[in-house]
């Protein structure tokens, strides 16, 4: 099993994927693309091609309309 990165220098490339079915998405990245599951569950972390893919479920919609969010950030 791969281990989580511990870098002394440089950067670690990480992708965050939101999926409804985390287990199925993890199987895709491991079985089809050849990655290695480092952490199973929610979130799932897959080591793939010198990068890390974090797969988790998404949250619900924001209670505020997008116009209100945009107005607050200006």
PDB file of N, CA and C in Angstrom:
ATOM      1  N   UNK A   1       0.850  -1.184   0.000  1.00  0.00           N
ATOM      2  CA  UNK A   1       0.000   0.000   0.000  1.00  0.00           C
ATOM      3  C   UNK A   1       0.887   1.235   0.000  1.00  0.00           C
ATOM      4  N   UNK A   2       0.547   2.207  -0.812  1.00  0.00           N
ATOM      5  CA  UNK A   2       1.290   3.463  -0.861  1.00  0.00           C
ATOM      6  C   UNK A   2       1.073   4.233   0.433  1.00  0.00           C
ATOM      7  N   UNK A   3       1.993   5.106   0.738  1.00  0.00           N
ATOM      8  CA  UNK A   3       1.842   5.925   1.945  1.00  0.00           C
ATOM      9  C   UNK A   3       1.651   7.377   1.532  1.00  0.00           C
ATOM     10  N   UNK A   4       1.090   8.144   2.427  1.00  0.00           N
ATOM     11  CA  UNK A   4       0.895   9.565   2.144  1.00  0.00           C
ATOM     12  C   UNK A   4       2.246  10.257   2.010  1.00  0.00           C
ATOM     13  N   UNK A   5       2.313  11.298   1.177  1.00  0.00           N
ATOM     14  CA  UNK A   5       3.608  11.920   0.911  1.00  0.00           C
ATOM     15  C   UNK A   5       4.132  12.710   2.101  1.00  0.00           C
ATOM     16  N   UNK A   6       5.432  12.660   2.266  1.00  0.00           N
ATOM     17  CA  UNK A   6       6.123  13.525   3.219  1.00  0.00           C
ATOM     18  C   UNK A   6       7.245  14.187   2.433  1.00  0.00           C
ATOM     19  N   UNK A   7       7.037  15.411   2.048  1.00  0.00           N
ATOM     20  CA  UNK A   7       7.987  16.124   1.202  1.00  0.00           C
ATOM     21  C   UNK A   7       8.912  16.995   2.038  1.00  0.00           C
ATOM     22  N   UNK A   8      10.184  16.970   1.707  1.00  0.00           N
ATOM     23  CA  UNK A   8      11.112  17.897   2.334  1.00  0.00           C
ATOM     24  C   UNK A   8      11.280  19.133   1.463  1.00  0.00           C
ATOM     25  N   UNK A   9      11.006  18.977   0.164  1.00  0.00           N
ATOM     26  CA  UNK A   9      11.037  20.118  -0.756  1.00  0.00           C
ATOM     27  C   UNK A   9      10.164  19.785  -1.953  1.00  0.00           C
ATOM     28  N   UNK A  10       9.842  20.780  -2.743  1.00  0.00           N
ATOM     29  CA  UNK A  10       9.016  20.566  -3.921  1.00  0.00           C
ATOM     30  C   UNK A  10       7.537  20.689  -3.617  1.00  0.00           C
ATOM     31  N   UNK A  11       6.729  20.209  -4.541  1.00  0.00           N
ATOM     32  CA  UNK A  11       5.278  20.294  -4.391  1.00  0.00           C
ATOM     33  C   UNK A  11       4.659  18.907  -4.560  1.00  0.00           C
ATOM     34  N   UNK A  12       3.472  18.746  -4.064  1.00  0.00           N
ATOM     35  CA  UNK A  12       2.692  17.525  -4.267  1.00  0.00           C
ATOM     36  C   UNK A  12       1.451  17.908  -5.059  1.00  0.00           C
ATOM     37  N   UNK A  13       1.243  17.242  -6.180  1.00  0.00           N
ATOM     38  CA  UNK A  13       0.080  17.491  -7.010  1.00  0.00           C
ATOM     39  C   UNK A  13      -1.101  16.720  -6.442  1.00  0.00           C
ATOM     40  N   UNK A  14      -2.187  17.422  -6.167  1.00  0.00           N
ATOM     41  CA  UNK A  14      -3.371  16.793  -5.600  1.00  0.00           C
ATOM     42  C   UNK A  14      -4.602  17.233  -6.379  1.00  0.00           C
ATOM     43  N   UNK A  15      -5.451  16.283  -6.719  1.00  0.00           N
ATOM     44  CA  UNK A  15      -6.718  16.567  -7.388  1.00  0.00           C
ATOM     45  C   UNK A  15      -7.830  16.240  -6.405  1.00  0.00           C
ATOM     46  N   UNK A  16      -8.881  17.066  -6.388  1.00  0.00           N
ATOM     47  CA  UNK A  16     -10.039  16.808  -5.528  1.00  0.00           C
ATOM     48  C   UNK A  16     -11.229  16.521  -6.428  1.00  0.00           C
ATOM     49  N   UNK A  17     -11.800  15.349  -6.274  1.00  0.00           N
ATOM     50  CA  UNK A  17     -12.936  14.921  -7.082  1.00  0.00           C
ATOM     51  C   UNK A  17     -14.153  14.789  -6.175  1.00  0.00           C
ATOM     52  N   UNK A  18     -15.266  15.405  -6.580  1.00  0.00           N
ATOM     53  CA  UNK A  18     -16.526  15.249  -5.856  1.00  0.00           C
ATOM     54  C   UNK A  18     -17.332  14.174  -6.583  1.00  0.00           C
ATOM     55  N   UNK A  19     -17.744  13.146  -5.864  1.00  0.00           N
ATOM     56  CA  UNK A  19     -18.474  12.041  -6.472  1.00  0.00           C
ATOM     57  C   UNK A  19     -19.644  11.632  -5.586  1.00  0.00           C
ATOM     58  N   UNK A  20     -20.710  11.227  -6.219  1.00  0.00           N
ATOM     59  CA  UNK A  20     -21.867  10.744  -5.461  1.00  0.00           C
ATOM     60  C   UNK A  20     -21.566   9.370  -4.849  1.00  0.00           C
ATOM     61  N   UNK A  21     -20.857   8.529  -5.596  1.00  0.00           N
ATOM     62  CA  UNK A  21     -20.498   7.186  -5.131  1.00  0.00           C
ATOM     63  C   UNK A  21     -18.977   7.122  -4.993  1.00  0.00           C
ATOM     64  N   UNK A  22     -18.470   7.411  -3.807  1.00  0.00           N
ATOM     65  CA  UNK A  22     -17.027   7.501  -3.563  1.00  0.00           C
ATOM     66  C   UNK A  22     -16.344   6.153  -3.789  1.00  0.00           C
ATOM     67  N   UNK A  23     -16.967   5.072  -3.344  1.00  0.00           N
ATOM     68  CA  UNK A  23     -16.360   3.743  -3.510  1.00  0.00           C
ATOM     69  C   UNK A  23     -16.196   3.396  -4.988  1.00  0.00           C
ATOM     70  N   UNK A  24     -17.219   3.670  -5.787  1.00  0.00           N
ATOM     71  CA  UNK A  24     -17.159   3.381  -7.225  1.00  0.00           C
ATOM     72  C   UNK A  24     -16.097   4.234  -7.911  1.00  0.00           C
ATOM     73  N   UNK A  25     -16.029   5.500  -7.568  1.00  0.00           N
ATOM     74  CA  UNK A  25     -15.022   6.381  -8.159  1.00  0.00           C
ATOM     75  C   UNK A  25     -13.615   5.921  -7.781  1.00  0.00           C
ATOM     76  N   UNK A  26     -13.432   5.498  -6.548  1.00  0.00           N
ATOM     77  CA  UNK A  26     -12.133   4.982  -6.122  1.00  0.00           C
ATOM     78  C   UNK A  26     -11.731   3.748  -6.896  1.00  0.00           C
ATOM     79  N   UNK A  27     -12.698   2.859  -7.136  1.00  0.00           N
ATOM     80  CA  UNK A  27     -12.420   1.656  -7.933  1.00  0.00           C
ATOM     81  C   UNK A  27     -12.028   2.027  -9.362  1.00  0.00           C
ATOM     82  N   UNK A  28     -12.660   3.049  -9.928  1.00  0.00           N
ATOM     83  CA  UNK A  28     -12.310   3.492 -11.278  1.00  0.00           C
ATOM     84  C   UNK A  28     -10.857   3.949 -11.330  1.00  0.00           C
ATOM     85  N   UNK A  29     -10.472   4.816 -10.401  1.00  0.00           N
ATOM     86  CA  UNK A  29      -9.110   5.337 -10.418  1.00  0.00           C
ATOM     87  C   UNK A  29      -8.069   4.269 -10.081  1.00  0.00           C
ATOM     88  N   UNK A  30      -8.449   3.248  -9.342  1.00  0.00           N
ATOM     89  CA  UNK A  30      -7.491   2.189  -9.034  1.00  0.00           C
ATOM     90  C   UNK A  30      -7.524   1.071 -10.071  1.00  0.00           C
ATOM     91  N   UNK A  31      -8.700   0.518 -10.381  1.00  0.00           N
ATOM     92  CA  UNK A  31      -8.798  -0.634 -11.278  1.00  0.00           C
ATOM     93  C   UNK A  31      -8.590  -0.268 -12.749  1.00  0.00           C
ATOM     94  N   UNK A  32      -9.187   0.833 -13.194  1.00  0.00           N
ATOM     95  CA  UNK A  32      -9.115   1.198 -14.612  1.00  0.00           C
ATOM     96  C   UNK A  32      -7.842   1.986 -14.926  1.00  0.00           C
ATOM     97  N   UNK A  33      -7.509   2.960 -14.082  1.00  0.00           N
ATOM     98  CA  UNK A  33      -6.348   3.814 -14.372  1.00  0.00           C
ATOM     99  C   UNK A  33      -5.063   3.341 -13.706  1.00  0.00           C
ATOM    100  N   UNK A  34      -5.152   2.343 -12.837  1.00  0.00           N
ATOM    101  CA  UNK A  34      -3.945   1.763 -12.254  1.00  0.00           C
ATOM    102  C   UNK A  34      -3.418   2.452 -11.013  1.00  0.00           C
ATOM    103  N   UNK A  35      -4.231   3.253 -10.353  1.00  0.00           N
ATOM    104  CA  UNK A  35      -3.811   3.894  -9.110  1.00  0.00           C
ATOM    105  C   UNK A  35      -3.844   2.916  -7.942  1.00  0.00           C
ATOM    106  N   UNK A  36      -3.364   3.383  -6.799  1.00  0.00           N
ATOM    107  CA  UNK A  36      -3.371   2.552  -5.590  1.00  0.00           C
ATOM    108  C   UNK A  36      -4.138   3.278  -4.492  1.00  0.00           C
ATOM    109  N   UNK A  37      -5.153   2.613  -3.941  1.00  0.00           N
ATOM    110  CA  UNK A  37      -5.945   3.231  -2.877  1.00  0.00           C
ATOM    111  C   UNK A  37      -5.107   3.279  -1.607  1.00  0.00           C
ATOM    112  N   UNK A  38      -4.894   4.491  -1.107  1.00  0.00           N
ATOM    113  CA  UNK A  38      -4.115   4.716   0.106  1.00  0.00           C
ATOM    114  C   UNK A  38      -5.032   4.760   1.322  1.00  0.00           C
ATOM    115  N   UNK A  39      -6.215   5.341   1.142  1.00  0.00           N
ATOM    116  CA  UNK A  39      -7.186   5.474   2.228  1.00  0.00           C
ATOM    117  C   UNK A  39      -8.562   5.211   1.635  1.00  0.00           C
ATOM    118  N   UNK A  40      -9.281   4.231   2.168  1.00  0.00           N
ATOM    119  CA  UNK A  40     -10.621   3.910   1.685  1.00  0.00           C
ATOM    120  C   UNK A  40     -11.654   4.531   2.611  1.00  0.00           C
ATOM    121  N   UNK A  41     -12.808   4.808   2.073  1.00  0.00           N
ATOM    122  CA  UNK A  41     -13.878   5.410   2.867  1.00  0.00           C
ATOM    123  C   UNK A  41     -14.198   6.794   2.345  1.00  0.00           C
ATOM    124  N   UNK A  42     -14.653   7.641   3.224  1.00  0.00           N
ATOM    125  CA  UNK A  42     -14.946   9.028   2.842  1.00  0.00           C
ATOM    126  C   UNK A  42     -14.095   9.955   3.692  1.00  0.00           C
ATOM    127  N   UNK A  43     -13.079  10.563   3.134  1.00  0.00           N
ATOM    128  CA  UNK A  43     -12.688  10.547   1.727  1.00  0.00           C
ATOM    129  C   UNK A  43     -11.855   9.326   1.376  1.00  0.00           C
ATOM    130  N   UNK A  44     -11.767   9.038   0.085  1.00  0.00           N
ATOM    131  CA  UNK A  44     -10.856   8.030  -0.452  1.00  0.00           C
ATOM    132  C   UNK A  44      -9.681   8.759  -1.075  1.00  0.00           C
ATOM    133  N   UNK A  45      -8.477   8.262  -0.838  1.00  0.00           N
ATOM    134  CA  UNK A  45      -7.280   8.860  -1.435  1.00  0.00           C
ATOM    135  C   UNK A  45      -6.614   7.810  -2.300  1.00  0.00           C
ATOM    136  N   UNK A  46      -6.327   8.178  -3.551  1.00  0.00           N
ATOM    137  CA  UNK A  46      -5.702   7.280  -4.508  1.00  0.00           C
ATOM    138  C   UNK A  46      -4.372   7.886  -4.954  1.00  0.00           C
ATOM    139  N   UNK A  47      -3.300   7.084  -4.899  1.00  0.00           N
ATOM    140  CA  UNK A  47      -1.999   7.488  -5.435  1.00  0.00           C
ATOM    141  C   UNK A  47      -1.985   7.101  -6.904  1.00  0.00           C
ATOM    142  N   UNK A  48      -1.726   8.064  -7.786  1.00  0.00           N
ATOM    143  CA  UNK A  48      -1.755   7.803  -9.224  1.00  0.00           C
ATOM    144  C   UNK A  48      -0.782   8.722  -9.943  1.00  0.00           C
ATOM    145  N   UNK A  49       0.210   8.139 -10.597  1.00  0.00           N
ATOM    146  CA  UNK A  49       1.126   8.874 -11.481  1.00  0.00           C
ATOM    147  C   UNK A  49       1.733  10.103 -10.786  1.00  0.00           C
ATOM    148  N   UNK A  50       2.394   9.884  -9.672  1.00  0.00           N
ATOM    149  CA  UNK A  50       3.046  10.964  -8.925  1.00  0.00           C
ATOM    150  C   UNK A  50       2.084  12.055  -8.464  1.00  0.00           C
ATOM    151  N   UNK A  51       0.841  11.684  -8.237  1.00  0.00           N
ATOM    152  CA  UNK A  51      -0.128  12.646  -7.717  1.00  0.00           C
ATOM    153  C   UNK A  51      -1.067  11.929  -6.757  1.00  0.00           C
ATOM    154  N   UNK A  52      -1.866  12.693  -6.080  1.00  0.00           N
ATOM    155  CA  UNK A  52      -2.848  12.172  -5.136  1.00  0.00           C
ATOM    156  C   UNK A  52      -4.224  12.625  -5.581  1.00  0.00           C
ATOM    157  N   UNK A  53      -5.165  11.716  -5.590  1.00  0.00           N
ATOM    158  CA  UNK A  53      -6.539  12.040  -5.933  1.00  0.00           C
ATOM    159  C   UNK A  53      -7.383  11.818  -4.687  1.00  0.00           C
ATOM    160  N   UNK A  54      -8.014  12.878  -4.241  1.00  0.00           N
ATOM    161  CA  UNK A  54      -8.893  12.812  -3.075  1.00  0.00           C
ATOM    162  C   UNK A  54     -10.322  12.808  -3.599  1.00  0.00           C
ATOM    163  N   UNK A  55     -11.080  11.787  -3.228  1.00  0.00           N
ATOM    164  CA  UNK A  55     -12.457  11.646  -3.699  1.00  0.00           C
ATOM    165  C   UNK A  55     -13.382  11.699  -2.490  1.00  0.00           C
ATOM    166  N   UNK A  56     -14.359  12.593  -2.547  1.00  0.00           N
ATOM    167  CA  UNK A  56     -15.299  12.724  -1.431  1.00  0.00           C
ATOM    168  C   UNK A  56     -16.662  13.119  -1.956  1.00  0.00           C
ATOM    169  N   UNK A  57     -17.669  13.005  -1.123  1.00  0.00           N
ATOM    170  CA  UNK A  57     -19.016  13.429  -1.491  1.00  0.00           C
ATOM    171  C   UNK A  57     -19.092  14.948  -1.388  1.00  0.00           C
ATOM    172  N   UNK A  58     -20.011  15.520  -2.133  1.00  0.00           N
ATOM    173  CA  UNK A  58     -20.210  16.960  -2.080  1.00  0.00           C
ATOM    174  C   UNK A  58     -21.206  17.333  -1.016  1.00  0.00           C
ATOM    175  N   UNK A  59     -21.203  18.592  -0.651  1.00  0.00           N
ATOM    176  CA  UNK A  59     -22.177  19.098   0.303  1.00  0.00           C
ATOM    177  C   UNK A  59     -23.440  19.537  -0.415  1.00  0.00           C
ATOM    178  N   UNK A  60     -24.400  19.939   0.328  1.00  0.00           N
ATOM    179  CA  UNK A  60     -25.630  20.438  -0.263  1.00  0.00           C
ATOM    180  C   UNK A  60     -25.439  21.822  -0.835  1.00  0.00           C
ATOM    181  N   UNK A  61     -26.441  22.352  -1.472  1.00  0.00           N
ATOM    182  CA  UNK A  61     -26.325  23.685  -2.063  1.00  0.00           C
ATOM    183  C   UNK A  61     -26.218  24.754  -0.981  1.00  0.00           C
ATOM    184  N   UNK A  62     -25.621  25.858  -1.342  1.00  0.00           N
ATOM    185  CA  UNK A  62     -25.504  26.988  -0.432  1.00  0.00           C
ATOM    186  C   UNK A  62     -26.891  27.569  -0.170  1.00  0.00           C
ATOM    187  N   UNK A  63     -27.159  27.998   1.074  1.00  0.00           N
ATOM    188  CA  UNK A  63     -28.473  28.584   1.350  1.00  0.00           C
ATOM    189  C   UNK A  63     -28.630  29.965   0.724  1.00  0.00           C
ATOM    190  N   UNK A  64     -27.512  30.590   0.316  1.00  0.00           N
ATOM    191  CA  UNK A  64     -27.568  31.921  -0.278  1.00  0.00           C
ATOM    192  C   UNK A  64     -27.565  31.838  -1.801  1.00  0.00           C
ATOM    193  N   UNK A  65     -28.317  32.689  -2.475  1.00  0.00           N
ATOM    194  CA  UNK A  65     -28.227  32.735  -3.940  1.00  0.00           C
ATOM    195  C   UNK A  65     -26.834  33.237  -4.344  1.00  0.00           C
ATOM    196  N   UNK A  66     -26.372  32.835  -5.512  1.00  0.00           N
ATOM    197  CA  UNK A  66     -25.032  33.215  -5.962  1.00  0.00           C
ATOM    198  C   UNK A  66     -24.852  34.726  -6.022  1.00  0.00           C
ATOM    199  N   UNK A  67     -25.878  35.485  -6.329  1.00  0.00           N
ATOM    200  CA  UNK A  67     -25.771  36.948  -6.384  1.00  0.00           C
ATOM    201  C   UNK A  67     -25.410  37.490  -4.997  1.00  0.00           C
ATOM    202  N   UNK A  68     -25.988  36.921  -3.947  1.00  0.00           N
ATOM    203  CA  UNK A  68     -25.686  37.371  -2.591  1.00  0.00           C
ATOM    204  C   UNK A  68     -24.252  37.014  -2.213  1.00  0.00           C
ATOM    205  N   UNK A  69     -23.770  35.863  -2.629  1.00  0.00           N
ATOM    206  CA  UNK A  69     -22.400  35.459  -2.342  1.00  0.00           C
ATOM    207  C   UNK A  69     -21.434  36.374  -3.062  1.00  0.00           C
ATOM    208  N   UNK A  70     -21.712  36.686  -4.338  1.00  0.00           N
ATOM    209  CA  UNK A  70     -20.847  37.569  -5.121  1.00  0.00           C
ATOM    210  C   UNK A  70     -20.830  38.981  -4.520  1.00  0.00           C
ATOM    211  N   UNK A  71     -21.980  39.451  -4.063  1.00  0.00           N
ATOM    212  CA  UNK A  71     -22.052  40.789  -3.482  1.00  0.00           C
ATOM    213  C   UNK A  71     -21.244  40.894  -2.202  1.00  0.00           C
ATOM    214  N   UNK A  72     -21.214  39.831  -1.392  1.00  0.00           N
ATOM    215  CA  UNK A  72     -20.469  39.844  -0.136  1.00  0.00           C
ATOM    216  C   UNK A  72     -18.970  39.830  -0.366  1.00  0.00           C
ATOM    217  N   UNK A  73     -18.504  39.293  -1.491  1.00  0.00           N
ATOM    218  CA  UNK A  73     -17.075  39.193  -1.736  1.00  0.00           C
ATOM    219  C   UNK A  73     -16.507  40.445  -2.409  1.00  0.00           C
ATOM    220  N   UNK A  74     -17.344  41.364  -2.818  1.00  0.00           N
ATOM    221  CA  UNK A  74     -16.866  42.594  -3.476  1.00  0.00           C
ATOM    222  C   UNK A  74     -16.456  43.631  -2.481  1.00  0.00           C
TER     223      UNK A  74
END
